N, C-alpha and C. Protein backbone atom coordinates (compact mmCIF):
# COMPACT_ATOMS: atom_id res chain seq x y z
N VAL A 1 126.44 241.30 79.76
CA VAL A 1 125.97 240.55 78.53
C VAL A 1 124.87 239.57 79.03
N VAL A 2 124.08 239.17 77.97
CA VAL A 2 123.06 238.23 78.27
C VAL A 2 123.64 236.86 77.99
N VAL A 3 123.34 235.98 79.06
CA VAL A 3 123.94 234.70 79.11
C VAL A 3 122.76 233.56 79.20
N ALA A 4 123.12 232.43 78.79
CA ALA A 4 122.21 231.18 78.87
C ALA A 4 123.00 230.01 79.23
N GLY A 5 122.30 228.91 79.54
CA GLY A 5 122.98 227.75 79.73
C GLY A 5 123.43 227.11 78.40
N PRO A 6 124.33 226.12 78.46
CA PRO A 6 124.90 225.67 77.09
C PRO A 6 123.79 224.83 76.24
N ASN A 7 122.69 224.52 76.86
CA ASN A 7 121.70 223.71 76.01
C ASN A 7 120.57 224.58 75.58
N ASN A 8 120.68 225.89 75.87
CA ASN A 8 119.58 226.83 75.27
C ASN A 8 119.86 227.05 73.75
N PRO A 9 118.79 226.86 73.06
CA PRO A 9 118.87 226.94 71.57
C PRO A 9 119.36 228.34 71.09
N LEU A 10 119.12 229.30 71.73
CA LEU A 10 119.63 230.61 71.44
C LEU A 10 121.15 230.88 71.47
N THR A 11 121.88 229.87 72.05
CA THR A 11 123.30 229.90 71.92
C THR A 11 123.81 229.68 70.60
N ARG A 12 123.01 229.07 69.74
CA ARG A 12 123.42 228.79 68.38
C ARG A 12 123.20 230.07 67.42
N HIS A 13 122.48 230.95 67.77
CA HIS A 13 122.13 232.10 66.95
C HIS A 13 123.38 233.06 66.97
N ARG A 14 123.54 233.66 65.75
CA ARG A 14 124.88 234.55 65.66
C ARG A 14 124.52 235.89 65.71
N LYS A 15 123.20 236.41 65.74
CA LYS A 15 122.98 237.80 65.89
C LYS A 15 121.51 237.81 66.45
N LEU A 16 121.48 238.40 67.67
CA LEU A 16 120.16 238.63 68.35
C LEU A 16 120.02 240.08 68.77
N GLU A 17 118.77 240.55 68.81
CA GLU A 17 118.45 241.85 69.43
C GLU A 17 117.80 241.57 70.80
N LEU A 18 118.08 242.42 71.67
CA LEU A 18 117.59 242.38 73.09
C LEU A 18 115.95 242.41 72.91
N ALA A 19 115.29 243.04 72.05
CA ALA A 19 113.97 242.97 71.93
C ALA A 19 113.40 241.66 71.62
N ASP A 20 114.13 240.85 70.87
CA ASP A 20 113.79 239.51 70.41
C ASP A 20 113.66 238.55 71.65
N LEU A 21 114.32 239.00 72.76
CA LEU A 21 114.45 238.05 73.80
C LEU A 21 113.40 238.27 74.97
N LEU A 22 112.67 239.42 74.77
CA LEU A 22 111.73 239.84 75.88
C LEU A 22 110.78 238.87 76.48
N SER A 23 110.46 237.92 75.54
CA SER A 23 109.32 236.98 75.91
C SER A 23 109.92 235.67 76.49
N GLU A 24 111.33 235.60 76.43
CA GLU A 24 111.98 234.39 76.98
C GLU A 24 111.89 234.49 78.52
N PRO A 25 112.07 233.24 79.28
CA PRO A 25 112.02 233.22 80.67
C PRO A 25 113.31 233.79 81.13
N TRP A 26 113.21 234.89 82.06
CA TRP A 26 114.40 235.52 82.67
C TRP A 26 114.65 235.36 84.12
N ILE A 27 115.88 235.17 84.53
CA ILE A 27 116.26 235.21 85.97
C ILE A 27 117.11 236.44 86.14
N LEU A 28 116.41 237.31 87.00
CA LEU A 28 117.18 238.60 87.30
C LEU A 28 117.18 238.87 88.80
N ASP A 29 118.09 239.68 89.13
CA ASP A 29 117.96 240.16 90.59
C ASP A 29 116.81 241.03 90.73
N PRO A 30 116.23 241.07 92.03
CA PRO A 30 115.06 241.93 92.26
C PRO A 30 115.49 243.40 92.00
N ILE A 31 114.55 244.13 91.41
CA ILE A 31 114.82 245.42 90.90
C ILE A 31 115.24 246.47 91.92
N ASN A 32 114.75 246.04 93.20
CA ASN A 32 115.14 247.08 94.34
C ASN A 32 116.54 246.81 94.82
N THR A 33 117.41 245.98 94.15
CA THR A 33 118.79 245.82 94.54
C THR A 33 119.55 246.56 93.56
N ASP A 34 120.84 246.89 93.95
CA ASP A 34 121.78 247.62 93.06
C ASP A 34 121.89 246.85 91.68
N PHE A 35 122.26 245.44 91.74
CA PHE A 35 122.53 244.85 90.55
C PHE A 35 121.15 244.70 89.77
N GLY A 36 120.00 244.42 90.32
CA GLY A 36 118.76 244.47 89.76
C GLY A 36 118.50 245.78 89.00
N ALA A 37 118.85 246.85 89.64
CA ALA A 37 118.66 248.21 88.93
C ALA A 37 119.51 248.32 87.81
N MET A 38 120.80 247.72 87.82
CA MET A 38 121.63 247.84 86.69
C MET A 38 121.14 246.95 85.58
N GLN A 39 120.74 245.72 85.91
CA GLN A 39 120.18 244.83 84.89
C GLN A 39 118.95 245.54 84.18
N ALA A 40 118.10 246.13 84.91
CA ALA A 40 117.04 246.82 84.38
C ALA A 40 117.49 247.97 83.43
N GLU A 41 118.45 248.73 83.79
CA GLU A 41 119.00 249.71 82.95
C GLU A 41 119.61 249.20 81.58
N VAL A 42 120.06 247.95 81.58
CA VAL A 42 120.57 247.45 80.25
C VAL A 42 119.33 247.50 79.27
N PHE A 43 118.18 247.23 79.71
CA PHE A 43 117.01 247.18 78.84
C PHE A 43 116.60 248.57 78.50
N ARG A 44 116.59 249.39 79.45
CA ARG A 44 116.24 250.83 79.24
C ARG A 44 117.22 251.47 78.37
N ALA A 45 118.44 251.11 78.29
CA ALA A 45 119.51 251.79 77.30
C ALA A 45 119.14 251.38 75.99
N ALA A 46 118.40 250.21 75.82
CA ALA A 46 118.08 249.75 74.42
C ALA A 46 116.66 250.25 74.03
N GLY A 47 116.11 251.09 74.96
CA GLY A 47 114.86 251.67 74.72
C GLY A 47 113.64 250.68 75.09
N LEU A 48 113.93 249.73 75.89
CA LEU A 48 112.93 248.73 76.23
C LEU A 48 112.63 248.79 77.67
N ASP A 49 111.50 248.28 77.94
CA ASP A 49 111.19 247.98 79.37
C ASP A 49 111.74 246.63 79.83
N PRO A 50 112.19 246.53 81.01
CA PRO A 50 112.79 245.27 81.52
C PRO A 50 111.74 244.06 81.18
N PRO A 51 112.22 242.84 80.91
CA PRO A 51 111.23 241.73 80.76
C PRO A 51 110.51 241.51 82.08
N ARG A 52 109.42 240.82 82.03
CA ARG A 52 108.69 240.26 83.15
C ARG A 52 109.58 239.08 83.71
N LEU A 53 109.87 239.16 85.00
CA LEU A 53 110.67 238.24 85.63
C LEU A 53 109.86 236.85 85.71
N THR A 54 110.73 235.80 85.34
CA THR A 54 110.13 234.44 85.67
C THR A 54 110.49 234.03 87.03
N VAL A 55 111.91 234.37 87.42
CA VAL A 55 112.44 234.11 88.60
C VAL A 55 113.18 235.29 89.13
N ALA A 56 113.00 235.83 90.32
CA ALA A 56 113.94 236.90 90.87
C ALA A 56 114.88 236.16 91.78
N ALA A 57 116.14 236.21 91.50
CA ALA A 57 117.19 235.40 92.19
C ALA A 57 118.41 236.15 92.49
N PRO A 58 118.58 236.67 93.63
CA PRO A 58 119.76 237.44 93.93
C PRO A 58 120.91 236.46 94.31
N SER A 59 120.64 235.14 94.32
CA SER A 59 121.62 234.20 94.70
C SER A 59 122.37 233.70 93.31
N ILE A 60 123.66 233.88 93.15
CA ILE A 60 124.34 233.55 91.90
C ILE A 60 124.38 231.99 91.82
N THR A 61 124.42 231.25 92.93
CA THR A 61 124.39 229.87 92.79
C THR A 61 123.01 229.28 92.24
N LEU A 62 121.87 229.80 92.75
CA LEU A 62 120.60 229.51 92.26
C LEU A 62 120.48 229.85 90.77
N ARG A 63 120.89 231.08 90.46
CA ARG A 63 120.78 231.52 89.05
C ARG A 63 121.67 230.59 88.24
N ASN A 64 122.81 230.30 88.46
CA ASN A 64 123.75 229.40 87.68
C ASN A 64 123.09 227.98 87.50
N GLU A 65 122.42 227.42 88.60
CA GLU A 65 121.68 226.13 88.51
C GLU A 65 120.51 226.22 87.57
N LEU A 66 119.76 227.24 87.66
CA LEU A 66 118.56 227.43 86.79
C LEU A 66 118.92 227.68 85.35
N LEU A 67 120.03 228.37 85.12
CA LEU A 67 120.57 228.63 83.78
C LEU A 67 121.02 227.32 83.16
N ALA A 68 121.76 226.45 84.00
CA ALA A 68 122.20 225.19 83.46
C ALA A 68 121.10 224.33 82.87
N THR A 69 119.90 224.49 83.18
CA THR A 69 118.74 223.80 82.71
C THR A 69 118.56 224.15 81.17
N GLY A 70 119.12 225.21 80.69
CA GLY A 70 118.98 225.69 79.38
C GLY A 70 117.66 226.39 79.00
N ARG A 71 116.85 226.59 80.10
CA ARG A 71 115.57 227.35 79.76
C ARG A 71 115.56 228.85 79.98
N PHE A 72 116.54 229.30 80.89
CA PHE A 72 116.41 230.71 81.31
C PHE A 72 117.61 231.66 80.69
N LEU A 73 117.35 232.86 80.71
CA LEU A 73 118.39 233.82 80.40
C LEU A 73 118.62 234.86 81.59
N THR A 74 119.74 235.39 81.66
CA THR A 74 120.01 236.40 82.56
C THR A 74 121.06 237.45 82.09
N VAL A 75 121.27 238.39 82.83
CA VAL A 75 122.30 239.50 82.38
C VAL A 75 123.41 239.46 83.46
N VAL A 76 124.54 239.39 83.05
CA VAL A 76 125.66 239.40 84.07
C VAL A 76 126.77 240.50 83.49
N VAL A 77 127.65 240.76 84.41
CA VAL A 77 128.76 241.58 84.08
C VAL A 77 129.61 240.76 83.14
N GLY A 78 130.10 241.42 82.09
CA GLY A 78 130.96 240.66 81.06
C GLY A 78 132.26 240.08 81.56
N PHE A 79 132.83 240.76 82.54
CA PHE A 79 134.11 240.10 82.99
C PHE A 79 133.92 238.90 83.83
N SER A 80 132.63 238.73 84.28
CA SER A 80 132.43 237.57 85.14
C SER A 80 132.58 236.18 84.26
N LEU A 81 132.45 236.23 83.04
CA LEU A 81 132.54 235.06 82.24
C LEU A 81 134.01 234.68 81.97
N LEU A 82 134.98 235.70 82.44
CA LEU A 82 136.42 235.38 82.40
C LEU A 82 136.85 234.62 83.56
N LEU A 83 136.11 234.82 84.61
CA LEU A 83 136.56 234.28 86.06
C LEU A 83 136.31 232.86 86.16
N PRO A 84 137.29 232.09 86.78
CA PRO A 84 137.07 230.69 87.03
C PRO A 84 135.86 230.54 88.08
N ARG A 85 134.93 229.64 87.75
CA ARG A 85 133.80 229.42 88.66
C ARG A 85 133.41 228.03 88.64
N GLU A 86 132.42 227.74 89.41
CA GLU A 86 131.82 226.40 89.51
C GLU A 86 131.12 225.87 88.11
N ASN A 87 130.41 226.85 87.64
CA ASN A 87 129.77 226.45 86.37
C ASN A 87 130.24 227.13 85.11
N PRO A 88 131.35 226.80 84.55
CA PRO A 88 131.93 227.58 83.50
C PRO A 88 131.33 227.42 82.14
N ARG A 89 130.18 226.70 82.04
CA ARG A 89 129.60 226.46 80.86
C ARG A 89 128.50 227.47 80.42
N LEU A 90 128.46 228.56 81.08
CA LEU A 90 127.43 229.54 80.64
C LEU A 90 127.89 230.18 79.36
N LYS A 91 127.02 230.42 78.50
CA LYS A 91 127.39 231.08 77.18
C LYS A 91 126.87 232.49 76.99
N ALA A 92 127.64 233.30 76.54
CA ALA A 92 127.19 234.75 76.27
C ALA A 92 126.46 234.59 74.86
N LEU A 93 125.31 235.23 74.89
CA LEU A 93 124.53 235.27 73.69
C LEU A 93 125.07 236.39 72.70
N ALA A 94 124.86 236.23 71.47
CA ALA A 94 125.41 237.34 70.54
C ALA A 94 124.32 238.37 70.35
N VAL A 95 124.12 239.03 71.37
CA VAL A 95 123.20 240.16 71.58
C VAL A 95 123.84 241.45 71.34
N LYS A 96 123.28 242.29 70.46
CA LYS A 96 123.78 243.67 70.33
C LYS A 96 123.73 244.31 71.65
N ARG A 97 124.92 244.89 72.05
CA ARG A 97 124.98 245.39 73.41
C ARG A 97 124.47 246.97 73.49
N HIS A 98 123.48 247.12 74.36
CA HIS A 98 122.99 248.39 74.74
C HIS A 98 123.12 248.61 76.26
N HIS A 99 124.31 248.72 76.77
CA HIS A 99 124.47 248.81 78.20
C HIS A 99 125.04 250.12 78.50
N PRO A 100 124.60 250.55 79.73
CA PRO A 100 125.25 251.81 80.27
C PRO A 100 126.59 251.47 80.89
N ARG A 101 127.48 252.31 80.80
CA ARG A 101 128.84 252.04 81.42
C ARG A 101 128.79 252.51 82.79
N GLN A 102 129.31 251.68 83.78
CA GLN A 102 129.29 252.10 85.03
C GLN A 102 130.75 252.44 85.49
N PRO A 103 131.00 253.63 86.04
CA PRO A 103 132.46 253.82 86.36
C PRO A 103 132.74 253.10 87.68
N VAL A 104 134.04 252.73 87.62
CA VAL A 104 134.54 252.01 88.80
C VAL A 104 135.72 252.74 89.27
N GLY A 105 135.98 252.86 90.54
CA GLY A 105 137.11 253.61 91.04
C GLY A 105 137.72 253.02 92.36
N VAL A 106 138.80 253.53 92.64
CA VAL A 106 139.58 253.24 93.78
C VAL A 106 139.76 254.50 94.60
N THR A 107 139.35 254.42 95.85
CA THR A 107 139.50 255.62 96.67
C THR A 107 140.74 255.41 97.70
N ALA A 108 141.46 256.33 97.79
CA ALA A 108 142.65 256.26 98.74
C ALA A 108 142.48 257.53 99.75
N LEU A 109 142.91 257.33 100.98
CA LEU A 109 142.94 258.36 101.92
C LEU A 109 144.05 259.35 101.62
N LYS A 110 143.75 260.53 101.82
CA LYS A 110 144.64 261.63 101.60
C LYS A 110 145.84 261.52 102.49
N SER A 111 147.00 261.82 101.90
CA SER A 111 148.29 261.92 102.60
C SER A 111 148.65 260.50 103.10
N ARG A 112 148.17 259.35 102.39
CA ARG A 112 148.58 258.10 102.84
C ARG A 112 148.99 257.39 101.45
N SER A 113 149.93 256.50 101.51
CA SER A 113 150.49 255.76 100.35
C SER A 113 149.67 254.48 100.32
N LEU A 114 149.54 253.93 99.15
CA LEU A 114 148.98 252.48 99.08
C LEU A 114 149.94 251.51 99.49
N SER A 115 149.48 250.50 100.09
CA SER A 115 150.39 249.31 100.48
C SER A 115 150.69 248.62 99.14
N PRO A 116 151.73 247.83 99.20
CA PRO A 116 152.18 247.04 97.98
C PRO A 116 151.08 246.13 97.55
N VAL A 117 150.38 245.55 98.54
CA VAL A 117 149.29 244.65 98.16
C VAL A 117 148.20 245.44 97.48
N ALA A 118 147.89 246.66 97.85
CA ALA A 118 146.79 247.45 97.27
C ALA A 118 147.29 247.74 95.87
N GLN A 119 148.54 248.14 95.70
CA GLN A 119 149.11 248.56 94.41
C GLN A 119 149.04 247.24 93.42
N MET A 120 149.29 246.07 93.91
CA MET A 120 149.31 244.88 93.08
C MET A 120 147.93 244.61 92.67
N PHE A 121 146.94 244.77 93.61
CA PHE A 121 145.54 244.61 93.29
C PHE A 121 145.04 245.48 92.09
N ILE A 122 145.43 246.76 92.18
CA ILE A 122 145.02 247.74 91.27
C ILE A 122 145.63 247.42 89.87
N GLU A 123 146.93 247.02 89.89
CA GLU A 123 147.60 246.59 88.64
C GLU A 123 146.83 245.41 88.08
N SER A 124 146.62 244.41 88.89
CA SER A 124 145.99 243.13 88.38
C SER A 124 144.62 243.48 87.79
N VAL A 125 143.78 244.27 88.34
CA VAL A 125 142.54 244.63 87.83
C VAL A 125 142.63 245.33 86.51
N ARG A 126 143.56 246.30 86.37
CA ARG A 126 143.86 246.96 85.09
C ARG A 126 144.17 245.98 84.12
N GLU A 127 144.97 245.03 84.42
CA GLU A 127 145.43 243.97 83.32
C GLU A 127 144.09 243.15 82.93
N TRP A 128 143.30 242.78 83.96
CA TRP A 128 142.07 242.03 83.68
C TRP A 128 141.16 242.77 82.75
N VAL A 129 140.99 244.03 82.99
CA VAL A 129 139.99 244.78 82.18
C VAL A 129 140.43 245.42 80.98
N LYS A 130 141.83 245.30 80.63
CA LYS A 130 142.39 245.83 79.51
C LYS A 130 141.71 245.29 78.26
N PRO A 131 141.51 244.01 78.07
CA PRO A 131 140.99 243.41 76.87
C PRO A 131 139.45 243.81 76.78
N LEU A 132 138.79 244.17 77.77
CA LEU A 132 137.40 244.60 77.61
C LEU A 132 137.26 246.12 77.06
N ALA A 133 138.34 246.83 76.94
CA ALA A 133 138.36 248.13 76.52
C ALA A 133 138.11 248.17 74.93
N ASN A 134 138.45 246.99 74.37
CA ASN A 134 138.33 246.74 72.99
C ASN A 134 136.76 246.41 72.59
N ASN A 135 136.08 245.97 73.53
CA ASN A 135 134.63 245.50 73.31
C ASN A 135 133.66 246.64 73.47
N ARG A 136 133.94 247.77 73.27
CA ARG A 136 133.11 248.86 73.45
C ARG A 136 132.16 249.06 72.35
């Protein structure tokens, strides 16, 4: 999802298109990183070139501090807004979603059973992501 700090005027808009935001100042991961490539793919899925970076920031702490100024936008994984964190005031913008789905899986060794802790972790993750299945 596209997020901004609480003072960004775009947080008051009810309907935005990704194309409308290309000229805004963006903080994204460097494109040569896994998450930077995923962020760029969000724009490509909407038929757009990624925006020109204002700041390339692989540090989440730096990104959150800059977002808190209300000037910048970034792309984050949607479930990260549900997690408790130091800066809970980031706001998801009402942008029509054009994002590629990324598969996530758990790999287990053949002929080995999962530990109770691993089973609990998998069950917890399933519960966390269940509400996201409705946001497709």
